[in-house]
């Protein structure tokens, strides 16, 4: 059980959540999107939201700026979150445009606002759970997609709900967060998505 709960923190790491949201969108969207375009978008997102952050992590770790991929130390969060926000801005400006992919555009915009909210909290030495932020944002986005497209996505939504519980349990088990920090992460993940739904739902 100890190994399983620790594994959850890596398998459902916030770094992959934007990509997960994009995959769900391209899989669920009923409108025609050429497969070549989908592959290019996914590849671009893998490079920008997964590979580049991993490279930046090792770069920052080599300089002693951070010491863990989970960013347990509140003071070490500022630079990684700022870099993540810059990457999300690049994604919004270059990869996902609002005209062709409005739902996905506002999903990434919501994640950007969530990241900026986490940075704001760091200024007050508050450590919201980034794991909860990521999985909560994807869950809310999937629920909204289900309503927007009139699709029965109850199985996927149920899996994501369970994933929320597993992430929370994992972070508590690892003593990485308090209950309040998990709740804060959940809220700053969901609230921007709920707010921006008004622009596309």
N, C-alpha and C. Protein backbone atom coordinates (compact mmCIF):
# COMPACT_ATOMS: atom_id res chain seq x y z
N UNK A 1 0.83 -1.21 0.00
CA UNK A 1 0.00 0.00 0.00
C UNK A 1 0.87 1.26 0.00
N UNK A 2 1.95 1.22 0.76
CA UNK A 2 2.86 2.37 0.83
C UNK A 2 3.44 2.68 -0.55
N UNK A 3 3.86 1.62 -1.26
CA UNK A 3 4.41 1.79 -2.61
C UNK A 3 3.36 2.34 -3.57
N UNK A 4 2.13 1.81 -3.45
CA UNK A 4 1.05 2.23 -4.34
C UNK A 4 0.74 3.72 -4.16
N UNK A 5 0.59 4.14 -2.90
CA UNK A 5 0.25 5.54 -2.63
C UNK A 5 1.36 6.49 -3.05
N UNK A 6 2.62 6.08 -2.87
CA UNK A 6 3.73 6.91 -3.33
C UNK A 6 3.76 6.98 -4.85
N UNK A 7 3.40 5.87 -5.50
CA UNK A 7 3.39 5.83 -6.97
C UNK A 7 2.35 6.78 -7.55
N UNK A 8 1.23 6.93 -6.83
CA UNK A 8 0.15 7.82 -7.29
C UNK A 8 0.68 9.24 -7.47
N UNK A 9 1.55 9.68 -6.56
CA UNK A 9 2.10 11.04 -6.63
C UNK A 9 2.90 11.26 -7.90
N UNK A 10 3.49 10.18 -8.44
CA UNK A 10 4.26 10.30 -9.68
C UNK A 10 3.38 10.09 -10.90
N UNK A 11 2.49 9.09 -10.84
CA UNK A 11 1.63 8.78 -11.99
C UNK A 11 0.64 9.90 -12.27
N UNK A 12 0.19 10.59 -11.21
CA UNK A 12 -0.77 11.68 -11.37
C UNK A 12 -0.12 13.01 -11.02
N UNK A 13 1.13 13.16 -11.44
CA UNK A 13 1.87 14.39 -11.16
C UNK A 13 1.25 15.55 -11.93
N UNK A 14 1.22 16.74 -11.34
CA UNK A 14 0.59 17.90 -12.02
C UNK A 14 1.22 18.25 -13.35
N UNK A 15 2.45 17.84 -13.59
CA UNK A 15 3.13 18.18 -14.84
C UNK A 15 2.44 17.55 -16.05
N UNK A 16 1.75 16.41 -15.85
CA UNK A 16 1.11 15.74 -16.98
C UNK A 16 -0.37 16.10 -17.13
N UNK A 17 -0.93 16.81 -16.17
CA UNK A 17 -2.36 17.10 -16.20
C UNK A 17 -2.81 17.93 -17.41
N UNK A 18 -2.07 18.98 -17.82
CA UNK A 18 -2.48 19.70 -19.04
C UNK A 18 -2.55 18.78 -20.26
N UNK A 19 -1.59 17.88 -20.37
CA UNK A 19 -1.58 16.93 -21.49
C UNK A 19 -2.78 15.99 -21.39
N UNK A 20 -3.09 15.51 -20.20
CA UNK A 20 -4.25 14.63 -19.99
C UNK A 20 -5.54 15.34 -20.42
N UNK A 21 -5.67 16.61 -20.04
CA UNK A 21 -6.85 17.38 -20.42
C UNK A 21 -6.98 17.50 -21.94
N UNK A 22 -5.85 17.72 -22.61
CA UNK A 22 -5.84 17.84 -24.07
C UNK A 22 -6.22 16.52 -24.74
N UNK A 23 -5.70 15.42 -24.23
CA UNK A 23 -6.02 14.10 -24.80
C UNK A 23 -7.51 13.81 -24.64
N UNK A 24 -8.06 14.12 -23.48
CA UNK A 24 -9.50 13.93 -23.24
C UNK A 24 -10.30 14.77 -24.24
N UNK A 25 -9.86 16.01 -24.44
CA UNK A 25 -10.58 16.90 -25.37
C UNK A 25 -10.56 16.35 -26.80
N UNK A 26 -9.38 16.00 -27.30
CA UNK A 26 -9.27 15.53 -28.68
C UNK A 26 -9.97 14.19 -28.87
N UNK A 27 -10.08 13.41 -27.82
CA UNK A 27 -10.79 12.13 -27.89
C UNK A 27 -12.30 12.34 -27.88
N UNK A 28 -12.75 13.32 -27.10
CA UNK A 28 -14.19 13.52 -26.91
C UNK A 28 -14.83 14.45 -27.93
N UNK A 29 -14.09 15.42 -28.45
CA UNK A 29 -14.67 16.44 -29.33
C UNK A 29 -15.35 15.80 -30.55
N UNK A 30 -16.65 16.05 -30.73
CA UNK A 30 -17.37 15.44 -31.86
C UNK A 30 -17.07 16.11 -33.20
N UNK A 31 -16.51 17.32 -33.16
CA UNK A 31 -16.20 18.01 -34.42
C UNK A 31 -15.01 17.35 -35.11
N UNK A 32 -14.95 17.49 -36.43
CA UNK A 32 -13.86 16.86 -37.19
C UNK A 32 -12.56 17.63 -37.02
N UNK A 33 -11.54 16.91 -36.55
CA UNK A 33 -10.20 17.47 -36.46
C UNK A 33 -9.27 16.46 -37.11
N UNK A 34 -8.57 16.82 -38.19
CA UNK A 34 -7.68 15.87 -38.88
C UNK A 34 -6.70 15.21 -37.91
N UNK A 35 -6.47 13.92 -38.09
CA UNK A 35 -5.57 13.18 -37.20
C UNK A 35 -4.16 13.75 -37.20
N UNK A 36 -3.71 14.23 -38.35
CA UNK A 36 -2.37 14.82 -38.42
C UNK A 36 -2.27 16.05 -37.51
N UNK A 37 -3.33 16.84 -37.49
CA UNK A 37 -3.35 18.04 -36.64
C UNK A 37 -3.33 17.64 -35.17
N UNK A 38 -4.14 16.63 -34.84
CA UNK A 38 -4.19 16.16 -33.45
C UNK A 38 -2.82 15.68 -33.01
N UNK A 39 -2.16 14.89 -33.87
CA UNK A 39 -0.83 14.37 -33.51
C UNK A 39 0.17 15.51 -33.31
N UNK A 40 0.11 16.52 -34.17
CA UNK A 40 1.02 17.66 -34.05
C UNK A 40 0.76 18.45 -32.76
N UNK A 41 -0.53 18.64 -32.44
CA UNK A 41 -0.88 19.37 -31.22
C UNK A 41 -0.41 18.61 -29.98
N UNK A 42 -0.67 17.30 -29.97
CA UNK A 42 -0.26 16.48 -28.82
C UNK A 42 1.26 16.47 -28.69
N UNK A 43 1.96 16.35 -29.81
CA UNK A 43 3.42 16.36 -29.79
C UNK A 43 3.94 17.68 -29.24
N UNK A 44 3.33 18.78 -29.71
CA UNK A 44 3.74 20.09 -29.23
C UNK A 44 3.52 20.23 -27.73
N UNK A 45 2.39 19.70 -27.24
CA UNK A 45 2.09 19.77 -25.82
C UNK A 45 3.02 18.89 -24.99
N UNK A 46 3.38 17.73 -25.54
CA UNK A 46 4.33 16.86 -24.83
C UNK A 46 5.66 17.58 -24.66
N UNK A 47 6.11 18.23 -25.73
CA UNK A 47 7.40 18.94 -25.68
C UNK A 47 7.33 20.12 -24.71
N UNK A 48 6.27 20.92 -24.83
CA UNK A 48 6.19 22.15 -24.04
C UNK A 48 5.80 21.93 -22.58
N UNK A 49 4.85 21.04 -22.34
CA UNK A 49 4.32 20.91 -20.98
C UNK A 49 4.93 19.75 -20.19
N UNK A 50 5.64 18.85 -20.86
CA UNK A 50 6.24 17.71 -20.14
C UNK A 50 7.76 17.70 -20.25
N UNK A 51 8.27 17.63 -21.49
CA UNK A 51 9.72 17.49 -21.67
C UNK A 51 10.50 18.72 -21.22
N UNK A 52 10.06 19.90 -21.64
CA UNK A 52 10.77 21.13 -21.25
C UNK A 52 10.75 21.33 -19.73
N UNK A 53 9.60 21.15 -19.05
CA UNK A 53 9.61 21.25 -17.58
C UNK A 53 10.55 20.25 -16.91
N UNK A 54 10.65 19.04 -17.47
CA UNK A 54 11.56 18.05 -16.90
C UNK A 54 13.01 18.51 -17.04
N UNK A 55 13.34 19.04 -18.23
CA UNK A 55 14.70 19.57 -18.45
C UNK A 55 14.97 20.73 -17.49
N UNK A 56 13.99 21.61 -17.35
CA UNK A 56 14.14 22.76 -16.44
C UNK A 56 14.29 22.30 -15.00
N UNK A 57 13.60 21.20 -14.64
CA UNK A 57 13.72 20.66 -13.28
C UNK A 57 15.16 20.25 -12.99
N UNK A 58 15.76 19.49 -13.91
CA UNK A 58 17.14 19.05 -13.70
C UNK A 58 18.10 20.23 -13.71
N UNK A 59 17.79 21.23 -14.53
CA UNK A 59 18.62 22.44 -14.57
C UNK A 59 18.56 23.16 -13.22
N UNK A 60 17.35 23.36 -12.71
CA UNK A 60 17.18 24.04 -11.43
C UNK A 60 17.75 23.22 -10.27
N UNK A 61 17.61 21.89 -10.37
CA UNK A 61 18.13 21.04 -9.32
C UNK A 61 19.65 21.08 -9.27
N UNK A 62 20.28 21.15 -10.46
CA UNK A 62 21.75 21.19 -10.51
C UNK A 62 22.29 22.47 -9.88
N UNK A 63 21.48 23.53 -9.87
CA UNK A 63 21.89 24.79 -9.27
C UNK A 63 21.42 24.92 -7.81
N UNK A 64 20.75 23.86 -7.33
CA UNK A 64 20.29 23.87 -5.95
C UNK A 64 19.07 24.73 -5.70
N UNK A 65 18.42 25.16 -6.78
CA UNK A 65 17.22 25.99 -6.64
C UNK A 65 16.05 25.19 -6.09
N UNK A 66 15.95 23.93 -6.52
CA UNK A 66 14.94 23.01 -5.99
C UNK A 66 15.61 21.68 -5.68
N UNK A 67 14.98 20.88 -4.86
CA UNK A 67 15.58 19.58 -4.53
C UNK A 67 14.64 18.40 -4.75
N UNK A 68 13.41 18.67 -5.19
CA UNK A 68 12.46 17.58 -5.42
C UNK A 68 11.47 17.96 -6.49
N UNK A 69 11.04 16.97 -7.25
CA UNK A 69 10.05 17.21 -8.32
C UNK A 69 8.69 17.55 -7.73
N UNK A 70 8.48 17.24 -6.45
CA UNK A 70 7.20 17.53 -5.80
C UNK A 70 7.16 18.91 -5.16
N UNK A 71 8.29 19.62 -5.14
CA UNK A 71 8.36 21.00 -4.63
C UNK A 71 7.75 21.12 -3.23
N UNK A 72 8.23 20.25 -2.31
CA UNK A 72 7.69 20.29 -0.94
C UNK A 72 7.97 21.61 -0.23
N UNK A 73 9.15 22.19 -0.51
CA UNK A 73 9.52 23.45 0.14
C UNK A 73 8.79 24.61 -0.54
N UNK A 74 8.02 25.33 0.24
CA UNK A 74 7.21 26.44 -0.31
C UNK A 74 8.07 27.47 -1.03
N UNK A 75 9.23 27.80 -0.46
CA UNK A 75 10.10 28.83 -1.02
C UNK A 75 10.67 28.42 -2.38
N UNK A 76 10.74 27.12 -2.64
CA UNK A 76 11.31 26.63 -3.90
C UNK A 76 10.28 26.61 -5.04
N UNK A 77 9.06 26.98 -4.76
CA UNK A 77 8.00 26.88 -5.75
C UNK A 77 7.93 28.06 -6.72
N UNK A 78 8.42 29.20 -6.29
CA UNK A 78 8.21 30.42 -7.05
C UNK A 78 8.77 30.34 -8.47
N UNK A 79 10.03 29.99 -8.63
CA UNK A 79 10.65 29.95 -9.96
C UNK A 79 10.03 28.88 -10.84
N UNK A 80 9.85 27.62 -10.37
CA UNK A 80 9.20 26.61 -11.22
C UNK A 80 7.80 27.01 -11.66
N UNK A 81 7.03 27.62 -10.76
CA UNK A 81 5.67 28.04 -11.12
C UNK A 81 5.68 29.19 -12.12
N UNK A 82 6.64 30.10 -11.97
CA UNK A 82 6.77 31.19 -12.94
C UNK A 82 7.13 30.64 -14.32
N UNK A 83 8.05 29.69 -14.36
CA UNK A 83 8.45 29.07 -15.64
C UNK A 83 7.28 28.31 -16.25
N UNK A 84 6.52 27.62 -15.39
CA UNK A 84 5.34 26.90 -15.87
C UNK A 84 4.31 27.86 -16.45
N UNK A 85 4.14 28.99 -15.82
CA UNK A 85 3.19 30.00 -16.31
C UNK A 85 3.62 30.54 -17.67
N UNK A 86 4.91 30.76 -17.85
CA UNK A 86 5.44 31.23 -19.14
C UNK A 86 5.18 30.20 -20.23
N UNK A 87 5.40 28.92 -19.88
CA UNK A 87 5.16 27.83 -20.84
C UNK A 87 3.68 27.79 -21.22
N UNK A 88 2.79 27.95 -20.25
CA UNK A 88 1.35 27.94 -20.54
C UNK A 88 0.95 29.10 -21.43
N UNK A 89 1.58 30.25 -21.24
CA UNK A 89 1.31 31.40 -22.11
C UNK A 89 1.74 31.09 -23.55
N UNK A 90 2.88 30.43 -23.69
CA UNK A 90 3.37 30.02 -25.03
C UNK A 90 2.38 29.06 -25.68
N UNK A 91 1.88 28.11 -24.88
CA UNK A 91 0.89 27.14 -25.40
C UNK A 91 -0.35 27.87 -25.90
N UNK A 92 -0.85 28.80 -25.10
CA UNK A 92 -2.05 29.55 -25.46
C UNK A 92 -1.83 30.41 -26.70
N UNK A 93 -0.64 30.97 -26.83
CA UNK A 93 -0.35 31.87 -27.96
C UNK A 93 -0.03 31.12 -29.25
N UNK A 94 0.60 29.95 -29.13
CA UNK A 94 1.13 29.27 -30.32
C UNK A 94 0.42 27.96 -30.67
N UNK A 95 0.15 27.14 -29.67
CA UNK A 95 -0.32 25.77 -29.94
C UNK A 95 -1.85 25.68 -29.99
N UNK A 96 -2.52 26.24 -29.00
CA UNK A 96 -3.98 26.12 -28.90
C UNK A 96 -4.63 27.49 -29.09
N UNK A 97 -5.25 27.70 -30.24
CA UNK A 97 -5.87 29.01 -30.46
C UNK A 97 -7.35 28.97 -30.12
N UNK A 98 -7.88 30.11 -29.74
CA UNK A 98 -9.24 30.21 -29.24
C UNK A 98 -10.28 30.01 -30.34
N UNK A 99 -9.92 30.22 -31.59
CA UNK A 99 -10.88 30.13 -32.69
C UNK A 99 -11.19 28.68 -33.07
N UNK A 100 -10.16 27.84 -33.10
CA UNK A 100 -10.36 26.45 -33.51
C UNK A 100 -10.62 25.51 -32.34
N UNK A 101 -10.08 25.82 -31.18
CA UNK A 101 -10.21 24.94 -30.01
C UNK A 101 -10.60 25.76 -28.78
N UNK A 102 -11.77 26.41 -28.80
CA UNK A 102 -12.15 27.31 -27.70
C UNK A 102 -12.19 26.63 -26.33
N UNK A 103 -12.73 25.41 -26.29
CA UNK A 103 -12.83 24.70 -25.01
C UNK A 103 -11.44 24.43 -24.42
N UNK A 104 -10.54 23.95 -25.28
CA UNK A 104 -9.19 23.63 -24.82
C UNK A 104 -8.40 24.89 -24.48
N UNK A 105 -8.64 25.94 -25.24
CA UNK A 105 -7.98 27.22 -24.99
C UNK A 105 -8.31 27.72 -23.58
N UNK A 106 -9.58 27.69 -23.23
CA UNK A 106 -9.99 28.19 -21.92
C UNK A 106 -9.58 27.23 -20.80
N UNK A 107 -9.43 25.94 -21.13
CA UNK A 107 -8.89 24.99 -20.15
C UNK A 107 -7.46 25.39 -19.77
N UNK A 108 -6.65 25.67 -20.79
CA UNK A 108 -5.26 26.06 -20.52
C UNK A 108 -5.19 27.44 -19.86
N UNK A 109 -6.10 28.32 -20.24
CA UNK A 109 -6.14 29.63 -19.60
C UNK A 109 -6.49 29.47 -18.11
N UNK A 110 -7.41 28.55 -17.82
CA UNK A 110 -7.76 28.26 -16.43
C UNK A 110 -6.59 27.71 -15.65
N UNK A 111 -5.82 26.81 -16.28
CA UNK A 111 -4.62 26.25 -15.62
C UNK A 111 -3.61 27.37 -15.36
N UNK A 112 -3.49 28.31 -16.32
CA UNK A 112 -2.59 29.45 -16.13
C UNK A 112 -3.02 30.27 -14.91
N UNK A 113 -4.30 30.56 -14.81
CA UNK A 113 -4.80 31.32 -13.65
C UNK A 113 -4.57 30.54 -12.35
N UNK A 114 -4.71 29.22 -12.41
CA UNK A 114 -4.45 28.39 -11.23
C UNK A 114 -2.99 28.48 -10.81
N UNK A 115 -2.09 28.44 -11.80
CA UNK A 115 -0.65 28.54 -11.51
C UNK A 115 -0.31 29.90 -10.90
N UNK A 116 -0.91 30.95 -11.46
CA UNK A 116 -0.67 32.30 -10.93
C UNK A 116 -1.23 32.42 -9.52
N UNK A 117 -2.35 31.76 -9.25
CA UNK A 117 -2.91 31.76 -7.90
C UNK A 117 -1.98 31.06 -6.92
N UNK A 118 -1.36 29.95 -7.38
CA UNK A 118 -0.41 29.22 -6.53
C UNK A 118 0.81 30.08 -6.24
N UNK A 119 1.26 30.85 -7.24
CA UNK A 119 2.39 31.78 -7.03
C UNK A 119 2.01 32.84 -6.01
N UNK A 120 0.81 33.37 -6.13
CA UNK A 120 0.33 34.39 -5.19
C UNK A 120 0.34 33.86 -3.76
N UNK A 121 -0.07 32.61 -3.60
CA UNK A 121 -0.09 32.00 -2.27
C UNK A 121 1.32 31.81 -1.72
N UNK A 122 2.26 31.49 -2.61
CA UNK A 122 3.66 31.32 -2.19
C UNK A 122 4.18 32.61 -1.55
N UNK A 123 3.75 33.75 -2.08
CA UNK A 123 4.19 35.04 -1.54
C UNK A 123 3.81 35.19 -0.08
N UNK A 124 2.75 34.48 0.34
CA UNK A 124 2.31 34.52 1.73
C UNK A 124 2.69 33.24 2.47
N UNK A 125 3.64 32.50 1.86
CA UNK A 125 4.15 31.26 2.46
C UNK A 125 3.06 30.20 2.64
N UNK A 126 2.11 30.19 1.70
CA UNK A 126 1.04 29.20 1.71
C UNK A 126 1.31 28.18 0.59
N UNK A 127 1.28 26.91 0.95
CA UNK A 127 1.63 25.85 -0.01
C UNK A 127 0.38 25.06 -0.40
N UNK A 128 -0.29 25.51 -1.43
CA UNK A 128 -1.45 24.75 -1.93
C UNK A 128 -0.95 23.52 -2.68
N UNK A 129 -1.72 22.45 -2.64
CA UNK A 129 -1.32 21.21 -3.31
C UNK A 129 -1.44 21.34 -4.83
N UNK A 130 -0.30 21.25 -5.51
CA UNK A 130 -0.30 21.33 -6.97
C UNK A 130 -0.87 20.05 -7.58
N UNK A 131 -0.70 18.93 -6.87
CA UNK A 131 -1.28 17.67 -7.34
C UNK A 131 -2.81 17.78 -7.39
N UNK A 132 -3.40 18.32 -6.33
CA UNK A 132 -4.85 18.48 -6.29
C UNK A 132 -5.30 19.51 -7.32
N UNK A 133 -4.53 20.55 -7.48
CA UNK A 133 -4.83 21.59 -8.48
C UNK A 133 -4.98 20.95 -9.86
N UNK A 134 -4.01 20.13 -10.23
CA UNK A 134 -3.99 19.54 -11.57
C UNK A 134 -5.15 18.58 -11.82
N UNK A 135 -5.34 17.63 -10.91
CA UNK A 135 -6.39 16.63 -11.13
C UNK A 135 -7.78 17.24 -11.01
N UNK A 136 -7.93 18.24 -10.14
CA UNK A 136 -9.23 18.90 -9.99
C UNK A 136 -9.60 19.68 -11.25
N UNK A 137 -8.61 20.36 -11.84
CA UNK A 137 -8.85 21.13 -13.07
C UNK A 137 -9.29 20.21 -14.21
N UNK A 138 -8.61 19.09 -14.36
CA UNK A 138 -8.95 18.13 -15.42
C UNK A 138 -10.35 17.55 -15.19
N UNK A 139 -10.68 17.26 -13.94
CA UNK A 139 -12.00 16.70 -13.62
C UNK A 139 -13.11 17.68 -13.97
N UNK A 140 -12.94 18.95 -13.56
CA UNK A 140 -13.95 19.96 -13.85
C UNK A 140 -14.09 20.18 -15.35
N UNK A 141 -12.97 20.19 -16.07
CA UNK A 141 -12.98 20.36 -17.52
C UNK A 141 -13.72 19.22 -18.20
N UNK A 142 -13.50 17.99 -17.72
CA UNK A 142 -14.16 16.83 -18.31
C UNK A 142 -15.66 16.86 -18.07
N UNK A 143 -16.08 17.26 -16.88
CA UNK A 143 -17.51 17.40 -16.58
C UNK A 143 -18.14 18.43 -17.51
N UNK A 144 -17.44 19.55 -17.70
CA UNK A 144 -17.95 20.61 -18.58
C UNK A 144 -18.03 20.13 -20.03
N UNK A 145 -17.03 19.38 -20.47
CA UNK A 145 -17.05 18.83 -21.84
C UNK A 145 -18.23 17.89 -22.03
N UNK A 146 -18.50 17.07 -21.03
CA UNK A 146 -19.61 16.13 -21.09
C UNK A 146 -20.94 16.87 -21.29
N UNK A 147 -21.10 17.97 -20.56
CA UNK A 147 -22.33 18.78 -20.69
C UNK A 147 -22.36 19.50 -22.04
N UNK A 148 -21.22 20.09 -22.41
CA UNK A 148 -21.12 20.89 -23.64
C UNK A 148 -21.39 20.07 -24.89
N UNK A 149 -20.81 18.89 -24.95
CA UNK A 149 -20.96 18.04 -26.14
C UNK A 149 -22.15 17.09 -26.03
N UNK A 150 -22.84 17.09 -24.87
CA UNK A 150 -23.98 16.20 -24.69
C UNK A 150 -23.58 14.74 -24.75
N UNK A 151 -22.40 14.43 -24.18
CA UNK A 151 -21.87 13.07 -24.23
C UNK A 151 -21.92 12.43 -22.85
N UNK A 152 -22.15 11.12 -22.84
CA UNK A 152 -22.13 10.37 -21.59
C UNK A 152 -20.68 9.99 -21.27
N UNK A 153 -20.05 10.76 -20.37
CA UNK A 153 -18.67 10.50 -19.99
C UNK A 153 -18.58 10.12 -18.51
N UNK A 154 -19.67 9.50 -18.02
CA UNK A 154 -19.76 9.20 -16.60
C UNK A 154 -18.65 8.27 -16.12
N UNK A 155 -18.25 7.32 -16.96
CA UNK A 155 -17.18 6.39 -16.56
C UNK A 155 -15.88 7.12 -16.35
N UNK A 156 -15.53 7.98 -17.30
CA UNK A 156 -14.30 8.76 -17.19
C UNK A 156 -14.36 9.71 -16.00
N UNK A 157 -15.50 10.36 -15.82
CA UNK A 157 -15.66 11.29 -14.70
C UNK A 157 -15.52 10.55 -13.37
N UNK A 158 -16.09 9.35 -13.29
CA UNK A 158 -15.98 8.54 -12.07
C UNK A 158 -14.52 8.19 -11.79
N UNK A 159 -13.79 7.81 -12.85
CA UNK A 159 -12.36 7.48 -12.70
C UNK A 159 -11.60 8.70 -12.19
N UNK A 160 -11.91 9.87 -12.74
CA UNK A 160 -11.24 11.09 -12.32
C UNK A 160 -11.58 11.45 -10.87
N UNK A 161 -12.84 11.21 -10.47
CA UNK A 161 -13.24 11.46 -9.08
C UNK A 161 -12.43 10.57 -8.13
N UNK A 162 -12.30 9.30 -8.52
CA UNK A 162 -11.51 8.37 -7.72
C UNK A 162 -10.05 8.83 -7.67
N UNK A 163 -9.56 9.33 -8.82
CA UNK A 163 -8.19 9.83 -8.89
C UNK A 163 -7.98 11.00 -7.93
N UNK A 164 -9.00 11.86 -7.81
CA UNK A 164 -8.93 12.97 -6.85
C UNK A 164 -8.72 12.44 -5.43
N UNK A 165 -9.50 11.41 -5.09
CA UNK A 165 -9.38 10.81 -3.76
C UNK A 165 -8.03 10.15 -3.55
N UNK A 166 -7.54 9.48 -4.58
CA UNK A 166 -6.24 8.81 -4.48
C UNK A 166 -5.10 9.83 -4.31
N UNK A 167 -5.19 10.93 -5.06
CA UNK A 167 -4.16 11.97 -4.96
C UNK A 167 -4.15 12.56 -3.55
N UNK A 168 -5.33 12.88 -3.04
CA UNK A 168 -5.42 13.45 -1.69
C UNK A 168 -4.86 12.48 -0.65
N UNK A 169 -5.25 11.21 -0.77
CA UNK A 169 -4.77 10.19 0.17
C UNK A 169 -3.26 10.03 0.07
N UNK A 170 -2.76 10.03 -1.16
CA UNK A 170 -1.32 9.88 -1.39
C UNK A 170 -0.53 11.02 -0.77
N UNK A 171 -1.00 12.25 -0.96
CA UNK A 171 -0.27 13.41 -0.44
C UNK A 171 -0.31 13.46 1.09
N UNK A 172 -1.43 13.01 1.66
CA UNK A 172 -1.52 12.93 3.13
C UNK A 172 -0.62 11.82 3.66
N UNK A 173 -0.63 10.69 2.96
CA UNK A 173 0.19 9.54 3.37
C UNK A 173 1.68 9.90 3.35
N UNK A 174 2.07 10.68 2.34
CA UNK A 174 3.48 11.09 2.21
C UNK A 174 3.83 12.27 3.12
N UNK A 175 2.80 12.73 3.87
CA UNK A 175 2.98 13.89 4.76
C UNK A 175 3.48 15.12 4.00
N UNK A 176 3.03 15.24 2.75
CA UNK A 176 3.45 16.36 1.90
C UNK A 176 2.55 17.57 2.09
N UNK A 177 1.31 17.33 2.55
CA UNK A 177 0.35 18.43 2.69
C UNK A 177 -0.57 18.20 3.88
N UNK A 178 -1.14 19.30 4.33
CA UNK A 178 -2.20 19.24 5.35
C UNK A 178 -3.54 19.18 4.62
N UNK A 179 -4.61 18.93 5.36
CA UNK A 179 -5.95 18.93 4.76
C UNK A 179 -6.27 20.27 4.11
N UNK A 180 -5.90 21.36 4.79
CA UNK A 180 -6.17 22.70 4.26
C UNK A 180 -5.45 22.93 2.94
N UNK A 181 -4.20 22.49 2.84
CA UNK A 181 -3.43 22.68 1.61
C UNK A 181 -4.03 21.88 0.45
N UNK A 182 -4.58 20.72 0.76
CA UNK A 182 -5.25 19.91 -0.27
C UNK A 182 -6.52 20.60 -0.74
N UNK A 183 -7.28 21.15 0.21
CA UNK A 183 -8.52 21.86 -0.13
C UNK A 183 -8.21 23.10 -0.96
N UNK A 184 -7.17 23.83 -0.58
CA UNK A 184 -6.78 25.02 -1.35
C UNK A 184 -6.39 24.64 -2.77
N UNK A 185 -5.62 23.57 -2.92
CA UNK A 185 -5.23 23.11 -4.25
C UNK A 185 -6.44 22.73 -5.08
N UNK A 186 -7.37 22.03 -4.46
CA UNK A 186 -8.61 21.62 -5.14
C UNK A 186 -9.39 22.84 -5.62
N UNK A 187 -9.51 23.84 -4.75
CA UNK A 187 -10.29 25.03 -5.08
C UNK A 187 -9.64 25.87 -6.18
N UNK A 188 -8.32 26.07 -6.11
CA UNK A 188 -7.69 26.90 -7.14
C UNK A 188 -7.54 26.14 -8.46
N UNK A 189 -7.80 24.83 -8.42
CA UNK A 189 -7.85 24.06 -9.65
C UNK A 189 -9.21 24.16 -10.31
N UNK A 190 -10.26 24.13 -9.48
CA UNK A 190 -11.63 24.11 -10.00
C UNK A 190 -12.18 25.50 -10.31
N UNK A 191 -11.94 26.47 -9.44
CA UNK A 191 -12.59 27.78 -9.59
C UNK A 191 -12.28 28.47 -10.93
N UNK A 192 -11.01 28.52 -11.39
CA UNK A 192 -10.77 29.15 -12.70
C UNK A 192 -11.50 28.42 -13.84
N UNK A 193 -11.56 27.08 -13.76
CA UNK A 193 -12.27 26.33 -14.79
C UNK A 193 -13.76 26.65 -14.77
N UNK A 194 -14.34 26.71 -13.57
CA UNK A 194 -15.76 27.05 -13.44
C UNK A 194 -16.05 28.45 -13.95
N UNK A 195 -15.15 29.37 -13.65
CA UNK A 195 -15.33 30.76 -14.07
C UNK A 195 -15.27 30.90 -15.59
N UNK A 196 -14.31 30.23 -16.21
CA UNK A 196 -14.10 30.37 -17.66
C UNK A 196 -15.08 29.55 -18.48
N UNK A 197 -15.77 28.61 -17.84
CA UNK A 197 -16.79 27.83 -18.54
C UNK A 197 -17.82 28.74 -19.19
N UNK A 198 -18.08 29.88 -18.55
CA UNK A 198 -19.08 30.82 -19.07
C UNK A 198 -18.76 31.31 -20.48
N UNK A 199 -17.48 31.21 -20.89
CA UNK A 199 -17.07 31.71 -22.21
C UNK A 199 -17.25 30.67 -23.31
N UNK A 200 -17.51 29.40 -22.95
CA UNK A 200 -17.63 28.41 -24.02
C UNK A 200 -18.73 27.37 -23.80
N UNK A 201 -19.24 27.22 -22.59
CA UNK A 201 -20.25 26.20 -22.37
C UNK A 201 -21.60 26.62 -22.96
